[in-house]
């Protein structure tokens, strides 16, 4: 069903609504400019927004951010909040790459001072950080016992094993650890896949990007975050690797088999779900939390390896480099949170799939350092144009369950992008854009070229104009490594 066949009303310049119809329990809402919405006419993601609205216990709206595109069950860019007592949990609303997320690292370096060294830095990063399909070997293979400790402790495990500093934990969503994690709920296959992949970038749309601060929109907030013009920063975008993928796969099977028991009928079997408080729902939340902790460890180890690469390439010391974490956010997760709905405080399970928390100043669940600014939000781009730093707002709490966009959003399938990349000299194209790129396989890079994505500036601008998140700074990529 295309957008022309779906009844849609325009709420304002940046918001569209699909009224309740069929078995929808709530309306659907899509944040997009007219330009971005027009591009959705042939994408099944609008039907997915409608399908999510069928889920038992859904509250408010089935929401979609401007980077929306088709995904498994839920659209990527989808947000859905479920009543904790009456609602369901759906692995498709989290995604296969549990706690795929982004962290932003600042340095004390100005791009102009190290411009000539960027190729050496990229080479050092590529040498130290394993990337690509099945990448492994960043740290020695874990024992099962140590892996389970990692899955319980999250990023704290990495710090205790010499990867990064204790203060890093203060600048991560949830402190880099979900307490509800239960490694015993993961299958042997999931655990086996996780043994060798800690500290690896992986493939797909994952990458590490060196950027320079190109524009600052809110100088006071940027200054409080330690951001200055022409500064060199690092974005790390990856998740829970094979362990998270297998965990999603395992629980989709469990829930597909269990739905009949709970008399749940849905228009798409990819929305497989069970009540949050069912044994299957509670098991999934415990397993999902363990996979999320794995992802935080993964990004923490990669950050530590990246610092070593910078130190080696620049022949400098940690004090001069000033390599420090601004924030780490996840954008494939389900969280138990309190929100005000129709004037009443309610306990909800908020699914964010390809969407990021956007908590406002003063919120109890953001670090003390950001109580006055609001939560930092990290929006990676397409490796060729730009990436962004935003902060959350009170409007996000009122309108989107404290959520905003997570990236550029695809406009081409991987197959289409590969086809369009035929005949392109990828190295020359990236160099034309001012980016030094190193990658394992041409095929993966061809799938992820900038032409495969929306202009992330349009996505970010939509949420800024809608008041959901505020632009703080824009980064221009100068170096990238990927699988």
Protein backbone atom coordinates (compact mmCIF):
# COMPACT_ATOMS: atom_id res chain seq x y z
CA UNK A 1 0.00 0.00 0.00
CA UNK A 2 1.49 3.38 -1.03
CA UNK A 3 1.02 6.74 0.68
CA UNK A 4 -1.61 7.69 -1.93
CA UNK A 5 -3.76 4.74 -0.78
CA UNK A 6 -3.45 5.52 2.95
CA UNK A 7 -5.60 8.21 4.50
CA UNK A 8 -3.18 10.84 5.80
CA UNK A 9 -3.78 14.32 7.25
CA UNK A 10 -1.24 17.07 7.68
CA UNK A 11 -1.02 18.35 11.26
CA UNK A 12 1.55 21.09 10.65
CA UNK A 13 4.65 21.84 8.57
CA UNK A 14 6.61 18.96 10.15
CA UNK A 15 3.99 16.45 11.23
CA UNK A 16 1.60 14.07 9.44
CA UNK A 17 -1.06 11.82 10.92
CA UNK A 18 -2.62 8.53 9.85
CA UNK A 19 -6.02 8.42 11.58
CA UNK A 20 -7.15 5.24 13.29
CA UNK A 21 -8.53 2.75 10.78
CA UNK A 22 -8.99 -1.01 10.72
CA UNK A 23 -7.51 -2.54 13.85
CA UNK A 24 -5.33 0.46 14.75
CA UNK A 25 -5.60 1.19 18.48
CA UNK A 26 -3.99 4.65 18.14
CA UNK A 27 -3.24 7.01 15.23
CA UNK A 28 0.13 7.00 13.49
CA UNK A 29 2.29 10.11 13.36
CA UNK A 30 5.25 10.83 11.07
CA UNK A 31 7.67 13.73 11.54
CA UNK A 32 8.79 14.95 8.12
CA UNK A 33 8.94 18.01 5.93
CA UNK A 34 6.92 17.96 2.73
CA UNK A 35 10.09 17.09 0.83
CA UNK A 36 10.94 14.13 3.07
CA UNK A 37 7.35 12.90 3.20
CA UNK A 38 7.05 12.95 -0.59
CA UNK A 39 9.96 10.51 -0.78
CA UNK A 40 8.00 7.96 1.30
CA UNK A 41 5.25 7.42 -1.26
CA UNK A 42 6.66 4.13 -2.53
CA UNK A 43 7.99 2.86 0.81
CA UNK A 44 6.10 0.27 2.83
CA UNK A 45 7.23 2.00 6.03
CA UNK A 46 3.91 3.92 6.25
CA UNK A 47 2.02 0.64 6.31
CA UNK A 48 4.41 -0.46 9.07
CA UNK A 49 3.54 2.64 11.11
CA UNK A 50 -0.09 1.53 10.83
CA UNK A 51 0.71 -2.08 11.72
CA UNK A 52 2.57 -1.06 14.90
CA UNK A 53 -0.59 0.79 15.99
CA UNK A 54 -2.33 -2.62 16.22
CA UNK A 55 -0.12 -3.75 19.12
CA UNK A 56 -1.97 -4.37 22.41
CA UNK A 57 -1.36 -1.70 25.05
CA UNK A 58 0.14 0.91 22.73
CA UNK A 59 -0.22 4.43 24.13
CA UNK A 60 -0.61 7.78 22.37
CA UNK A 61 0.64 7.26 18.81
CA UNK A 62 2.65 4.93 16.65
CA UNK A 63 5.47 7.36 15.89
CA UNK A 64 8.02 7.69 13.09
CA UNK A 65 10.99 10.02 12.90
CA UNK A 66 12.05 11.76 9.63
CA UNK A 67 14.77 9.14 8.95
CA UNK A 68 12.04 6.49 8.67
CA UNK A 69 12.47 3.62 6.21
CA UNK A 70 11.33 0.03 5.92
CA UNK A 71 12.54 -2.40 8.58
CA UNK A 72 11.73 -5.78 10.11
CA UNK A 73 8.21 -5.46 11.57
CA UNK A 74 8.65 -1.95 12.91
CA UNK A 75 9.91 0.75 10.54
CA UNK A 76 13.44 1.92 11.23
CA UNK A 77 12.86 5.31 12.81
CA UNK A 78 9.88 3.95 14.73
CA UNK A 79 8.88 4.71 18.33
CA UNK A 80 6.10 2.98 20.25
CA UNK A 81 5.27 3.21 23.95
CA UNK A 82 3.37 0.36 25.63
CA UNK A 83 1.56 0.45 28.94
CA UNK A 84 3.75 -1.57 31.32
CA UNK A 85 0.85 -3.53 32.83
CA UNK A 86 -1.28 -4.09 29.72
CA UNK A 87 1.13 -3.79 26.81
CA UNK A 88 3.45 -6.05 24.86
CA UNK A 89 7.16 -6.24 24.11
CA UNK A 90 8.21 -6.90 20.51
CA UNK A 91 11.76 -7.82 19.41
CA UNK A 92 10.96 -6.26 16.02
CA UNK A 93 10.52 -2.94 17.85
CA UNK A 94 14.13 -3.13 19.02
CA UNK A 95 15.72 -4.68 15.97
CA UNK A 96 18.33 -7.32 15.25
CA UNK A 97 21.29 -5.16 16.27
CA UNK A 98 20.32 -4.63 19.92
CA UNK A 99 21.76 -1.38 21.28
CA UNK A 100 23.27 -0.36 18.02
CA UNK A 101 24.36 3.10 19.08
CA UNK A 102 26.78 5.97 18.78
CA UNK A 103 29.37 7.59 20.98
CA UNK A 104 31.03 10.95 20.46
CA UNK A 105 34.59 11.54 21.60
CA UNK A 106 36.22 14.95 21.72
CA UNK A 107 39.93 15.72 21.43
CA UNK A 108 42.06 18.75 22.22
CA UNK A 109 43.25 18.84 18.59
CA UNK A 110 42.41 21.34 15.88
CA UNK A 111 42.03 19.89 12.41
CA UNK A 112 44.30 22.53 10.88
CA UNK A 113 47.16 21.33 13.06
CA UNK A 114 46.89 17.65 12.11
CA UNK A 115 45.43 17.83 8.59
CA UNK A 116 48.49 16.19 7.03
CA UNK A 117 48.40 13.37 9.59
CA UNK A 118 44.83 12.21 8.87
CA UNK A 119 45.94 9.38 6.52
CA UNK A 120 48.30 8.03 9.21
CA UNK A 121 45.57 8.25 11.87
CA UNK A 122 43.09 6.42 9.63
CA UNK A 123 45.68 3.74 8.88
CA UNK A 124 46.42 3.28 12.58
CA UNK A 125 42.71 3.00 13.38
CA UNK A 126 42.18 0.47 10.61
CA UNK A 127 45.14 -1.56 11.86
CA UNK A 128 44.03 -1.67 15.52
CA UNK A 129 40.22 -1.98 15.24
CA UNK A 130 38.96 -5.15 13.52
CA UNK A 131 36.16 -4.46 11.04
CA UNK A 132 34.14 -6.32 8.45
CA UNK A 133 31.83 -9.34 8.36
CA UNK A 134 32.73 -11.77 11.16
CA UNK A 135 35.51 -9.50 12.43
CA UNK A 136 37.15 -10.77 15.61
CA UNK A 137 40.35 -10.62 17.55
CA UNK A 138 40.41 -7.17 19.19
CA UNK A 139 40.93 -8.87 22.55
CA UNK A 140 41.72 -12.51 23.39
CA UNK A 141 38.80 -14.92 23.17
CA UNK A 142 36.74 -14.75 26.34
CA UNK A 143 35.88 -17.70 28.51
CA UNK A 144 32.13 -18.31 28.87
CA UNK A 145 32.38 -17.31 32.53
CA UNK A 146 34.10 -14.01 31.71
CA UNK A 147 31.64 -13.33 28.90
CA UNK A 148 28.71 -13.71 31.29
CA UNK A 149 30.39 -11.31 33.70
CA UNK A 150 30.75 -8.83 30.83
CA UNK A 151 27.07 -9.26 29.93
CA UNK A 152 26.04 -8.48 33.51
CA UNK A 153 28.44 -5.60 34.17
CA UNK A 154 28.39 -3.77 30.82
CA UNK A 155 30.91 -1.00 30.19
CA UNK A 156 32.18 -1.26 33.77
CA UNK A 157 33.71 -4.63 32.78
CA UNK A 158 35.70 -2.94 30.01
CA UNK A 159 37.01 -0.22 32.34
CA UNK A 160 38.01 -2.80 34.96
CA UNK A 161 39.96 -4.63 32.25
CA UNK A 162 41.93 -1.56 31.23
CA UNK A 163 39.79 -0.19 28.41
CA UNK A 164 39.15 3.46 29.12
CA UNK A 165 38.64 5.31 32.41
CA UNK A 166 36.12 5.11 35.24
CA UNK A 167 34.81 8.61 34.44
CA UNK A 168 33.70 7.36 31.01
CA UNK A 169 30.83 5.54 32.72
CA UNK A 170 29.32 8.87 33.77
CA UNK A 171 28.78 9.84 30.13
CA UNK A 172 26.82 6.86 28.82
CA UNK A 173 23.12 6.23 28.64
CA UNK A 174 22.28 4.14 31.72
CA UNK A 175 25.92 4.40 32.77
CA UNK A 176 26.68 1.78 30.14
CA UNK A 177 24.79 -0.96 31.95
CA UNK A 178 21.23 -2.24 32.24
CA UNK A 179 20.79 -3.88 35.65
CA UNK A 180 18.10 -6.26 34.41
CA UNK A 181 20.59 -8.18 32.24
CA UNK A 182 20.49 -11.96 32.65
CA UNK A 183 23.14 -13.79 30.59
CA UNK A 184 21.57 -17.15 31.47
CA UNK A 185 18.70 -16.28 29.12
CA UNK A 186 20.95 -16.16 26.05
CA UNK A 187 21.26 -19.23 23.86
CA UNK A 188 24.52 -21.13 23.57
CA UNK A 189 24.70 -19.99 19.94
CA UNK A 190 24.38 -16.31 20.95
CA UNK A 191 27.07 -16.70 23.60
CA UNK A 192 29.37 -18.49 21.16
CA UNK A 193 28.99 -15.70 18.60
CA UNK A 194 29.92 -13.13 21.22
CA UNK A 195 33.12 -14.76 22.48
CA UNK A 196 35.45 -13.31 19.82
CA UNK A 197 33.74 -10.11 18.69
CA UNK A 198 34.23 -7.68 21.58
CA UNK A 199 35.95 -4.54 20.31
CA UNK A 200 35.09 -5.12 16.66
CA UNK A 201 33.35 -2.69 14.34
CA UNK A 202 31.54 -5.22 12.19
CA UNK A 203 29.98 -4.47 8.84
CA UNK A 204 26.75 -3.04 7.40
CA UNK A 205 26.26 0.62 8.25
CA UNK A 206 28.74 0.58 11.14
CA UNK A 207 31.75 2.85 11.01
CA UNK A 208 34.19 4.97 12.93
CA UNK A 209 34.39 8.54 11.69
CA UNK A 210 36.90 11.30 12.35
CA UNK A 211 35.20 14.65 11.96
CA UNK A 212 36.04 18.31 12.30
CA UNK A 213 33.67 20.77 13.93
CA UNK A 214 32.43 22.74 10.95
CA UNK A 215 29.61 24.81 12.42
CA UNK A 216 28.35 25.66 15.90
CA UNK A 217 24.69 26.64 16.30
CA UNK A 218 24.44 27.06 20.09
CA UNK A 219 27.82 28.42 21.30
CA UNK A 220 26.97 28.41 25.00
CA UNK A 221 25.94 24.76 25.00
CA UNK A 222 28.82 23.76 22.71
CA UNK A 223 31.28 25.45 25.05
CA UNK A 224 29.82 23.65 28.08
CA UNK A 225 30.31 20.34 26.23
CA UNK A 226 33.91 21.20 25.35
CA UNK A 227 33.21 21.67 21.64
CA UNK A 228 35.10 24.34 19.67
CA UNK A 229 35.39 25.32 16.00
CA UNK A 230 37.70 23.17 13.82
CA UNK A 231 38.07 20.64 16.65
CA UNK A 232 38.80 17.02 15.78
CA UNK A 233 36.12 14.61 17.10
CA UNK A 234 35.42 10.90 16.71
CA UNK A 235 32.09 9.14 16.20
CA UNK A 236 31.82 5.38 16.84
CA UNK A 237 28.73 3.68 15.39
CA UNK A 238 28.27 -0.02 16.11
CA UNK A 239 26.27 -2.43 18.28
CA UNK A 240 26.05 -5.91 19.79
CA UNK A 241 27.37 -7.78 16.74
CA UNK A 242 26.46 -11.47 16.29
CA UNK A 243 25.40 -11.91 19.90
CA UNK A 244 22.64 -9.31 19.57
CA UNK A 245 21.53 -10.61 16.18
CA UNK A 246 21.21 -14.15 17.49
CA UNK A 247 19.32 -12.99 20.58
CA UNK A 248 16.73 -11.23 18.43
CA UNK A 249 16.43 -14.25 16.16
CA UNK A 250 15.95 -16.60 19.12
CA UNK A 251 13.19 -14.56 20.74
CA UNK A 252 11.31 -13.90 17.52
CA UNK A 253 10.86 -17.68 17.29
CA UNK A 254 9.78 -17.91 20.92
CA UNK A 255 7.23 -15.12 20.59
CA UNK A 256 5.84 -16.28 17.25
CA UNK A 257 5.05 -19.60 18.90
CA UNK A 258 3.61 -18.00 22.05
CA UNK A 259 1.29 -15.37 20.52
CA UNK A 260 -1.61 -17.79 20.06
CA UNK A 261 -1.51 -18.58 23.77
CA UNK A 262 -2.13 -14.90 24.51
CA UNK A 263 -4.73 -14.52 21.74
CA UNK A 264 -2.69 -11.83 19.98
CA UNK A 265 -3.55 -11.32 16.32
CA UNK A 266 -1.57 -8.87 14.20
CA UNK A 267 -1.38 -7.90 10.50
CA UNK A 268 2.32 -8.82 10.27
CA UNK A 269 3.99 -11.82 11.89
CA UNK A 270 7.22 -9.82 12.03
CA UNK A 271 5.58 -7.89 14.91
CA UNK A 272 5.73 -11.06 17.05
CA UNK A 273 5.21 -10.07 20.68
CA UNK A 274 4.00 -11.22 24.09
CA UNK A 275 2.75 -9.28 27.13
CA UNK A 276 5.55 -7.42 28.90
CA UNK A 277 4.80 -9.24 32.14
CA UNK A 278 4.56 -12.69 30.55
CA UNK A 279 7.41 -15.18 31.13
CA UNK A 280 8.45 -14.74 27.47
CA UNK A 281 8.31 -10.95 27.74
CA UNK A 282 10.38 -10.85 30.93
CA UNK A 283 12.89 -13.31 29.48
CA UNK A 284 13.30 -11.15 26.39
CA UNK A 285 13.87 -8.00 28.45
CA UNK A 286 16.58 -9.77 30.47
CA UNK A 287 18.27 -11.13 27.34
CA UNK A 288 17.94 -7.83 25.50
CA UNK A 289 19.59 -6.03 28.43
CA UNK A 290 22.50 -8.48 28.34
CA UNK A 291 22.97 -7.85 24.60
CA UNK A 292 22.74 -4.09 25.24
CA UNK A 293 25.51 -4.39 27.83
CA UNK A 294 27.64 -6.25 25.28
CA UNK A 295 27.21 -3.34 22.86
CA UNK A 296 28.34 -0.81 25.47
CA UNK A 297 31.43 -2.93 26.15
CA UNK A 298 32.07 -3.15 22.42
CA UNK A 299 32.00 0.63 21.95
CA UNK A 300 34.08 1.17 25.09
CA UNK A 301 36.82 -1.18 23.88
CA UNK A 302 36.77 0.40 20.40
CA UNK A 303 37.11 3.86 21.96
CA UNK A 304 40.13 2.69 23.95
CA UNK A 305 41.73 1.19 20.82
CA UNK A 306 41.00 4.40 18.91
CA UNK A 307 42.84 6.45 21.53
CA UNK A 308 45.86 4.16 21.18
CA UNK A 309 45.74 4.62 17.41
CA UNK A 310 45.73 8.43 17.73
CA UNK A 311 48.59 8.36 20.24
CA UNK A 312 50.65 6.14 17.95
CA UNK A 313 49.96 8.04 14.73
CA UNK A 314 50.61 11.46 16.28
CA UNK A 315 53.43 10.36 18.60
CA UNK A 316 51.81 12.30 21.43
CA UNK A 317 50.62 11.70 25.01
CA UNK A 318 47.12 11.37 26.53
CA UNK A 319 47.21 14.83 28.13
CA UNK A 320 47.92 16.56 24.82
CA UNK A 321 45.44 14.41 22.91
CA UNK A 322 42.58 15.04 25.34
CA UNK A 323 40.62 12.02 24.13
CA UNK A 324 37.43 12.04 26.24
CA UNK A 325 33.85 10.85 25.95
CA UNK A 326 31.03 13.35 25.50
CA UNK A 327 28.21 10.79 25.44
CA UNK A 328 27.10 7.34 24.29
CA UNK A 329 23.51 6.76 23.14
CA UNK A 330 21.66 3.67 21.98
CA UNK A 331 19.10 3.69 19.19
CA UNK A 332 17.83 0.08 19.08
CA UNK A 333 16.38 -0.58 22.52
CA UNK A 334 13.26 -0.92 24.68
CA UNK A 335 13.31 0.97 27.99
CA UNK A 336 10.99 1.01 31.00
CA UNK A 337 10.34 4.71 31.62
CA UNK A 338 7.86 7.05 33.32
CA UNK A 339 6.00 9.49 31.06
CA UNK A 340 3.02 11.80 31.46
CA UNK A 341 0.13 10.73 29.23
CA UNK A 342 -3.10 12.76 29.23
CA UNK A 343 -1.99 14.46 32.43
CA UNK A 344 -1.27 11.19 34.25
CA UNK A 345 2.14 9.72 35.06
CA UNK A 346 2.37 6.23 33.56
CA UNK A 347 4.93 3.44 33.52
CA UNK A 348 5.69 2.59 29.89
CA UNK A 349 7.92 0.33 27.85
CA UNK A 350 9.24 2.60 25.09
CA UNK A 351 10.47 0.83 21.96
CA UNK A 352 12.99 2.91 20.00
CA UNK A 353 14.12 1.31 16.77
CA UNK A 354 16.38 3.64 14.83
CA UNK A 355 15.44 6.40 17.25
CA UNK A 356 17.33 8.09 20.08
CA UNK A 357 16.41 9.34 23.52
CA UNK A 358 16.05 13.13 23.64
CA UNK A 359 15.65 13.87 27.34
CA UNK A 360 15.45 17.56 28.38
CA UNK A 361 17.42 19.68 30.86
CA UNK A 362 16.76 18.62 34.43
CA UNK A 363 15.79 15.02 33.65
CA UNK A 364 16.90 12.61 36.36
CA UNK A 365 18.25 10.05 33.86
CA UNK A 366 20.91 12.21 32.22
CA UNK A 367 24.37 12.93 33.67
CA UNK A 368 24.87 15.72 36.18
CA UNK A 369 27.14 17.48 33.67
CA UNK A 370 24.22 17.86 31.23
CA UNK A 371 21.43 18.82 33.62
CA UNK A 372 21.42 22.40 32.29
CA UNK A 373 21.92 21.61 28.60
CA UNK A 374 19.76 18.53 28.09
CA UNK A 375 20.93 15.11 26.94
CA UNK A 376 23.46 15.07 24.10
CA UNK A 377 22.06 13.39 20.98
CA UNK A 378 24.46 11.98 18.39
CA UNK A 379 23.37 11.76 14.77
CA UNK A 380 25.86 10.10 12.40
CA UNK A 381 25.52 10.90 8.71
CA UNK A 382 26.49 9.01 5.59
CA UNK A 383 30.32 9.20 5.91
CA UNK A 384 30.48 11.78 3.14
CA UNK A 385 28.50 14.87 4.13
CA UNK A 386 28.14 15.63 7.84
CA UNK A 387 27.12 14.38 11.29
CA UNK A 388 25.45 16.28 14.14
CA UNK A 389 25.39 16.90 17.85
CA UNK A 390 21.97 17.85 19.25
CA UNK A 391 20.39 18.17 22.71
CA UNK A 392 17.00 17.06 23.99
CA UNK A 393 14.02 19.27 24.86
CA UNK A 394 10.90 19.29 27.01
CA UNK A 395 8.81 19.16 23.82
CA UNK A 396 10.24 15.70 23.13
CA UNK A 397 8.84 14.50 26.46
CA UNK A 398 5.44 15.94 25.58
CA UNK A 399 5.22 14.75 21.97
CA UNK A 400 7.52 11.78 21.28
CA UNK A 401 8.08 10.01 24.61
CA UNK A 402 11.48 11.72 24.82
CA UNK A 403 12.64 10.51 21.39
CA UNK A 404 14.17 11.92 18.22
CA UNK A 405 15.86 10.76 14.99
CA UNK A 406 19.00 8.60 14.89
CA UNK A 407 20.66 9.15 11.50
CA UNK A 408 20.18 9.89 7.84
CA UNK A 409 17.86 7.01 6.90
CA UNK A 410 18.21 5.01 3.70
CA UNK A 411 16.66 5.98 0.37
CA UNK A 412 18.13 3.00 -1.48
CA UNK A 413 18.36 -0.68 -0.68
CA UNK A 414 21.84 -2.11 -0.39
CA UNK A 415 21.37 -3.82 -3.74
CA UNK A 416 20.35 -0.55 -5.42
CA UNK A 417 23.28 1.29 -3.89
CA UNK A 418 25.71 -1.39 -5.06
CA UNK A 419 24.32 -1.08 -8.57
CA UNK A 420 24.66 2.70 -8.56
CA UNK A 421 28.21 2.37 -7.28
CA UNK A 422 29.30 0.33 -10.31
CA UNK A 423 31.92 2.25 -12.20
CA UNK A 424 32.62 4.57 -9.27
CA UNK A 425 36.15 4.69 -7.93
CA UNK A 426 35.18 4.69 -4.25
CA UNK A 427 38.52 5.99 -2.99
CA UNK A 428 38.49 8.87 -5.46
CA UNK A 429 34.85 9.69 -4.68
CA UNK A 430 35.51 9.81 -0.94
CA UNK A 431 38.69 11.83 -1.50
CA UNK A 432 36.67 14.29 -3.60
CA UNK A 433 34.50 14.76 -0.53
CA UNK A 434 37.62 15.34 1.61
CA UNK A 435 37.43 11.95 3.35
CA UNK A 436 40.25 9.43 3.80
CA UNK A 437 38.54 6.03 3.81
CA UNK A 438 39.77 2.54 4.69
CA UNK A 439 37.48 -0.48 4.45
CA UNK A 440 37.62 -4.28 4.27
CA UNK A 441 35.45 -4.95 1.26
CA UNK A 442 34.40 -2.85 -1.71
CA UNK A 443 30.94 -4.44 -1.66
CA UNK A 444 30.10 -3.22 1.82
CA UNK A 445 31.37 0.26 1.07
CA UNK A 446 29.37 0.34 -2.17
CA UNK A 447 26.22 -0.50 -0.19
CA UNK A 448 26.82 2.40 2.20
CA UNK A 449 27.90 5.23 -0.09
CA UNK A 450 26.35 8.66 0.60
CA UNK A 451 23.96 8.34 -2.36
CA UNK A 452 22.16 5.53 -0.46
CA UNK A 453 21.00 7.92 2.25
CA UNK A 454 18.77 10.91 2.81
CA UNK A 455 20.53 14.19 3.48
CA UNK A 456 20.91 14.03 7.25
CA UNK A 457 20.72 17.84 7.37
CA UNK A 458 17.06 17.61 6.29
CA UNK A 459 16.36 15.00 8.97
CA UNK A 460 18.00 16.98 11.77
CA UNK A 461 16.44 20.24 10.62
CA UNK A 462 12.97 18.69 10.77
CA UNK A 463 13.35 17.74 14.43
CA UNK A 464 14.94 21.10 15.25
CA UNK A 465 12.10 23.07 13.65
CA UNK A 466 9.55 20.81 15.33
CA UNK A 467 11.20 21.64 18.67
CA UNK A 468 11.96 18.00 19.51
CA UNK A 469 15.76 18.38 19.55
CA UNK A 470 18.07 21.38 19.12
CA UNK A 471 21.10 21.56 16.83
CA UNK A 472 24.34 22.26 18.71
CA UNK A 473 27.09 21.51 16.18
CA UNK A 474 27.79 20.00 12.77
CA UNK A 475 30.80 17.84 11.96
CA UNK A 476 32.39 17.33 8.56
CA UNK A 477 33.93 13.84 8.09
CA UNK A 478 37.64 13.79 7.22
CA UNK A 479 38.43 10.14 7.87
CA UNK A 480 36.48 6.91 8.15
CA UNK A 481 37.05 3.20 8.70
CA UNK A 482 34.45 0.48 8.13
CA UNK A 483 33.99 -3.17 7.23
